[in-house]
Amino acid sequence: MGQLRTIVQSKNDQVQVRARYYAGKILQYKNKHSLALQVFEQIIDQNGYSSLAPLSIKEALISAKASQTKDKEVFYQTTLDEYNNQSKIP
């Protein structure tokens, strides 16, 4: 993850967001769901404009379930449901 750390510090916002997203996915793969949840929350909070923000909500939900963080699990499930309902509006 050393190279990924360098990319996260890129001056290009979209490169930073994508690097953070994949860092979160790597942490999930390593079963470090609490840390992954923090990474996805950072993307959602700081980069809500990014196309990766909705995917980060989904991944945050997965990590919240895996780390048994019930309040965050409910929050992200509700947020994801609302997002999906808004997407269906013509």
N, C-alpha and C. Protein backbone atom coordinates (compact mmCIF):
# COMPACT_ATOMS: atom_id res chain seq x y z
N MET A 1 0.81 -1.20 0.00
CA MET A 1 0.00 0.00 0.00
C MET A 1 0.85 1.25 0.00
N GLY A 2 2.16 1.12 -0.09
CA GLY A 2 3.04 2.28 -0.10
C GLY A 2 2.80 3.18 -1.29
N GLN A 3 2.66 2.59 -2.48
CA GLN A 3 2.40 3.39 -3.67
C GLN A 3 1.02 4.02 -3.60
N LEU A 4 0.08 3.30 -3.04
CA LEU A 4 -1.27 3.81 -2.90
C LEU A 4 -1.29 5.04 -1.99
N ARG A 5 -0.47 5.01 -0.96
CA ARG A 5 -0.37 6.15 -0.04
C ARG A 5 0.12 7.38 -0.79
N THR A 6 1.05 7.20 -1.72
CA THR A 6 1.56 8.32 -2.52
C THR A 6 0.47 8.85 -3.44
N ILE A 7 -0.31 7.97 -4.03
CA ILE A 7 -1.38 8.38 -4.94
C ILE A 7 -2.47 9.13 -4.18
N VAL A 8 -2.76 8.70 -2.95
CA VAL A 8 -3.77 9.38 -2.14
C VAL A 8 -3.40 10.84 -1.92
N GLN A 9 -2.13 11.15 -1.95
CA GLN A 9 -1.67 12.52 -1.75
C GLN A 9 -1.57 13.30 -3.06
N SER A 10 -2.10 12.76 -4.13
CA SER A 10 -2.08 13.42 -5.43
C SER A 10 -2.81 14.76 -5.36
N LYS A 11 -2.45 15.67 -6.25
CA LYS A 11 -3.11 16.98 -6.31
C LYS A 11 -4.44 16.89 -7.06
N ASN A 12 -4.65 15.81 -7.78
CA ASN A 12 -5.89 15.60 -8.52
C ASN A 12 -6.92 14.95 -7.58
N ASP A 13 -8.03 15.65 -7.33
CA ASP A 13 -9.04 15.17 -6.39
C ASP A 13 -9.61 13.80 -6.77
N GLN A 14 -9.89 13.59 -8.04
CA GLN A 14 -10.48 12.33 -8.46
C GLN A 14 -9.51 11.16 -8.28
N VAL A 15 -8.23 11.43 -8.47
CA VAL A 15 -7.22 10.40 -8.24
C VAL A 15 -7.17 10.05 -6.75
N GLN A 16 -7.23 11.08 -5.90
CA GLN A 16 -7.24 10.87 -4.46
C GLN A 16 -8.43 10.02 -4.02
N VAL A 17 -9.61 10.37 -4.52
CA VAL A 17 -10.83 9.66 -4.15
C VAL A 17 -10.75 8.20 -4.58
N ARG A 18 -10.33 7.98 -5.81
CA ARG A 18 -10.23 6.60 -6.32
C ARG A 18 -9.21 5.80 -5.49
N ALA A 19 -8.09 6.43 -5.15
CA ALA A 19 -7.07 5.75 -4.34
C ALA A 19 -7.61 5.41 -2.96
N ARG A 20 -8.35 6.34 -2.35
CA ARG A 20 -8.95 6.07 -1.04
C ARG A 20 -9.96 4.93 -1.13
N TYR A 21 -10.77 4.94 -2.18
CA TYR A 21 -11.78 3.91 -2.36
C TYR A 21 -11.11 2.52 -2.43
N TYR A 22 -10.07 2.41 -3.24
CA TYR A 22 -9.40 1.12 -3.36
C TYR A 22 -8.63 0.76 -2.09
N ALA A 23 -8.15 1.75 -1.36
CA ALA A 23 -7.52 1.46 -0.06
C ALA A 23 -8.56 0.86 0.88
N GLY A 24 -9.77 1.40 0.85
CA GLY A 24 -10.86 0.84 1.66
C GLY A 24 -11.19 -0.58 1.27
N LYS A 25 -11.22 -0.84 -0.04
CA LYS A 25 -11.50 -2.20 -0.52
C LYS A 25 -10.40 -3.17 -0.07
N ILE A 26 -9.15 -2.73 -0.11
CA ILE A 26 -8.04 -3.57 0.35
C ILE A 26 -8.19 -3.87 1.84
N LEU A 27 -8.57 -2.86 2.61
CA LEU A 27 -8.77 -3.08 4.05
C LEU A 27 -9.91 -4.06 4.30
N GLN A 28 -10.97 -3.98 3.50
CA GLN A 28 -12.05 -4.96 3.63
C GLN A 28 -11.54 -6.36 3.34
N TYR A 29 -10.77 -6.50 2.29
CA TYR A 29 -10.22 -7.79 1.91
C TYR A 29 -9.37 -8.38 3.04
N LYS A 30 -8.69 -7.50 3.77
CA LYS A 30 -7.85 -7.94 4.89
C LYS A 30 -8.65 -8.05 6.19
N ASN A 31 -9.97 -7.94 6.09
CA ASN A 31 -10.87 -8.03 7.25
C ASN A 31 -10.61 -6.96 8.30
N LYS A 32 -10.19 -5.79 7.85
CA LYS A 32 -10.01 -4.63 8.73
C LYS A 32 -11.17 -3.67 8.47
N HIS A 33 -12.35 -4.15 8.83
CA HIS A 33 -13.57 -3.43 8.46
C HIS A 33 -13.75 -2.11 9.19
N SER A 34 -13.27 -1.99 10.41
CA SER A 34 -13.39 -0.72 11.13
C SER A 34 -12.59 0.37 10.42
N LEU A 35 -11.38 0.02 9.99
CA LEU A 35 -10.55 0.99 9.25
C LEU A 35 -11.15 1.29 7.88
N ALA A 36 -11.65 0.25 7.22
CA ALA A 36 -12.28 0.45 5.91
C ALA A 36 -13.48 1.39 6.04
N LEU A 37 -14.26 1.21 7.10
CA LEU A 37 -15.42 2.07 7.33
C LEU A 37 -14.99 3.53 7.46
N GLN A 38 -13.89 3.77 8.16
CA GLN A 38 -13.38 5.14 8.29
C GLN A 38 -13.00 5.73 6.94
N VAL A 39 -12.38 4.93 6.10
CA VAL A 39 -11.97 5.39 4.77
C VAL A 39 -13.19 5.75 3.93
N PHE A 40 -14.20 4.87 3.92
CA PHE A 40 -15.40 5.14 3.13
C PHE A 40 -16.17 6.34 3.67
N GLU A 41 -16.19 6.50 4.98
CA GLU A 41 -16.85 7.67 5.57
C GLU A 41 -16.14 8.96 5.16
N GLN A 42 -14.83 8.90 5.08
CA GLN A 42 -14.06 10.07 4.65
C GLN A 42 -14.42 10.45 3.21
N ILE A 43 -14.55 9.46 2.35
CA ILE A 43 -14.94 9.72 0.96
C ILE A 43 -16.33 10.35 0.92
N ILE A 44 -17.27 9.78 1.66
CA ILE A 44 -18.64 10.29 1.67
C ILE A 44 -18.69 11.72 2.19
N ASP A 45 -17.97 11.99 3.29
CA ASP A 45 -17.99 13.32 3.91
C ASP A 45 -17.27 14.38 3.08
N GLN A 46 -16.11 14.03 2.54
CA GLN A 46 -15.28 15.03 1.88
C GLN A 46 -15.44 15.07 0.37
N ASN A 47 -15.96 14.01 -0.22
CA ASN A 47 -16.02 13.93 -1.68
C ASN A 47 -17.39 13.45 -2.15
N GLY A 48 -18.44 14.01 -1.58
CA GLY A 48 -19.80 13.62 -1.93
C GLY A 48 -20.13 13.84 -3.39
N TYR A 49 -19.40 14.71 -4.06
CA TYR A 49 -19.61 15.00 -5.48
C TYR A 49 -19.13 13.88 -6.39
N SER A 50 -18.28 13.02 -5.86
CA SER A 50 -17.64 11.98 -6.68
C SER A 50 -18.62 10.87 -7.04
N SER A 51 -18.39 10.29 -8.19
CA SER A 51 -19.20 9.13 -8.59
C SER A 51 -18.94 7.92 -7.69
N LEU A 52 -17.87 7.97 -6.92
CA LEU A 52 -17.56 6.87 -6.01
C LEU A 52 -18.26 7.03 -4.65
N ALA A 53 -18.89 8.16 -4.40
CA ALA A 53 -19.59 8.36 -3.13
C ALA A 53 -20.73 7.35 -2.94
N PRO A 54 -21.60 7.13 -3.94
CA PRO A 54 -22.65 6.12 -3.74
C PRO A 54 -22.09 4.71 -3.53
N LEU A 55 -21.02 4.39 -4.22
CA LEU A 55 -20.38 3.08 -4.01
C LEU A 55 -19.77 3.00 -2.61
N SER A 56 -19.28 4.13 -2.13
CA SER A 56 -18.71 4.16 -0.79
C SER A 56 -19.78 3.95 0.27
N ILE A 57 -20.99 4.42 0.01
CA ILE A 57 -22.10 4.17 0.94
C ILE A 57 -22.35 2.67 1.03
N LYS A 58 -22.38 2.02 -0.11
CA LYS A 58 -22.60 0.56 -0.14
C LYS A 58 -21.47 -0.17 0.60
N GLU A 59 -20.24 0.23 0.35
CA GLU A 59 -19.10 -0.41 1.01
C GLU A 59 -19.07 -0.11 2.50
N ALA A 60 -19.49 1.10 2.88
CA ALA A 60 -19.56 1.45 4.30
C ALA A 60 -20.58 0.55 5.00
N LEU A 61 -21.68 0.27 4.32
CA LEU A 61 -22.70 -0.63 4.88
C LEU A 61 -22.11 -2.03 5.08
N ILE A 62 -21.38 -2.52 4.11
CA ILE A 62 -20.76 -3.85 4.22
C ILE A 62 -19.79 -3.89 5.40
N SER A 63 -18.98 -2.85 5.54
CA SER A 63 -18.01 -2.81 6.64
C SER A 63 -18.70 -2.63 7.99
N ALA A 64 -19.78 -1.86 8.02
CA ALA A 64 -20.52 -1.68 9.28
C ALA A 64 -21.12 -3.00 9.73
N LYS A 65 -21.66 -3.77 8.78
CA LYS A 65 -22.21 -5.09 9.12
C LYS A 65 -21.12 -6.02 9.63
N ALA A 66 -19.98 -6.03 8.94
CA ALA A 66 -18.89 -6.93 9.30
C ALA A 66 -18.28 -6.57 10.66
N SER A 67 -18.24 -5.27 10.98
CA SER A 67 -17.66 -4.85 12.26
C SER A 67 -18.72 -4.77 13.35
N GLN A 68 -19.95 -5.16 13.01
CA GLN A 68 -21.07 -5.21 13.94
C GLN A 68 -21.32 -3.86 14.61
N THR A 69 -21.29 -2.81 13.79
CA THR A 69 -21.59 -1.47 14.25
C THR A 69 -23.04 -1.19 13.87
N LYS A 70 -23.97 -1.55 14.74
CA LYS A 70 -25.39 -1.57 14.41
C LYS A 70 -25.92 -0.18 14.04
N ASP A 71 -25.55 0.86 14.77
CA ASP A 71 -26.08 2.19 14.47
C ASP A 71 -25.64 2.67 13.08
N LYS A 72 -24.40 2.40 12.73
CA LYS A 72 -23.91 2.80 11.41
C LYS A 72 -24.51 1.91 10.32
N GLU A 73 -24.72 0.65 10.65
CA GLU A 73 -25.36 -0.25 9.69
C GLU A 73 -26.75 0.26 9.33
N VAL A 74 -27.52 0.64 10.33
CA VAL A 74 -28.87 1.17 10.09
C VAL A 74 -28.79 2.48 9.30
N PHE A 75 -27.86 3.35 9.67
CA PHE A 75 -27.71 4.63 8.98
C PHE A 75 -27.38 4.43 7.50
N TYR A 76 -26.42 3.59 7.20
CA TYR A 76 -26.01 3.40 5.81
C TYR A 76 -27.05 2.62 5.00
N GLN A 77 -27.76 1.71 5.64
CA GLN A 77 -28.83 1.00 4.94
C GLN A 77 -29.94 1.98 4.56
N THR A 78 -30.31 2.85 5.49
CA THR A 78 -31.34 3.86 5.22
C THR A 78 -30.88 4.82 4.13
N THR A 79 -29.65 5.25 4.21
CA THR A 79 -29.10 6.17 3.21
C THR A 79 -29.08 5.52 1.83
N LEU A 80 -28.66 4.27 1.77
CA LEU A 80 -28.61 3.55 0.50
C LEU A 80 -30.02 3.35 -0.07
N ASP A 81 -30.97 3.02 0.78
CA ASP A 81 -32.36 2.86 0.33
C ASP A 81 -32.91 4.17 -0.23
N GLU A 82 -32.65 5.27 0.47
CA GLU A 82 -33.12 6.58 -0.01
C GLU A 82 -32.47 6.94 -1.34
N TYR A 83 -31.18 6.68 -1.47
CA TYR A 83 -30.47 6.96 -2.72
C TYR A 83 -31.07 6.15 -3.87
N ASN A 84 -31.32 4.88 -3.62
CA ASN A 84 -31.89 4.02 -4.65
C ASN A 84 -33.30 4.46 -5.04
N ASN A 85 -34.08 4.92 -4.08
CA ASN A 85 -35.43 5.41 -4.39
C ASN A 85 -35.38 6.69 -5.20
N GLN A 86 -34.44 7.57 -4.90
CA GLN A 86 -34.30 8.82 -5.66
C GLN A 86 -33.83 8.55 -7.08
N SER A 87 -33.04 7.53 -7.26
CA SER A 87 -32.53 7.20 -8.59
C SER A 87 -33.62 6.73 -9.53
N LYS A 88 -34.72 6.22 -8.96
CA LYS A 88 -35.81 5.68 -9.77
C LYS A 88 -36.80 6.76 -10.21
N ILE A 89 -36.70 7.95 -9.64
CA ILE A 89 -37.62 9.03 -9.98
C ILE A 89 -37.31 9.51 -11.40
N PRO A 90 -38.35 9.57 -12.28
CA PRO A 90 -38.11 10.00 -13.67
C PRO A 90 -37.77 11.47 -13.79
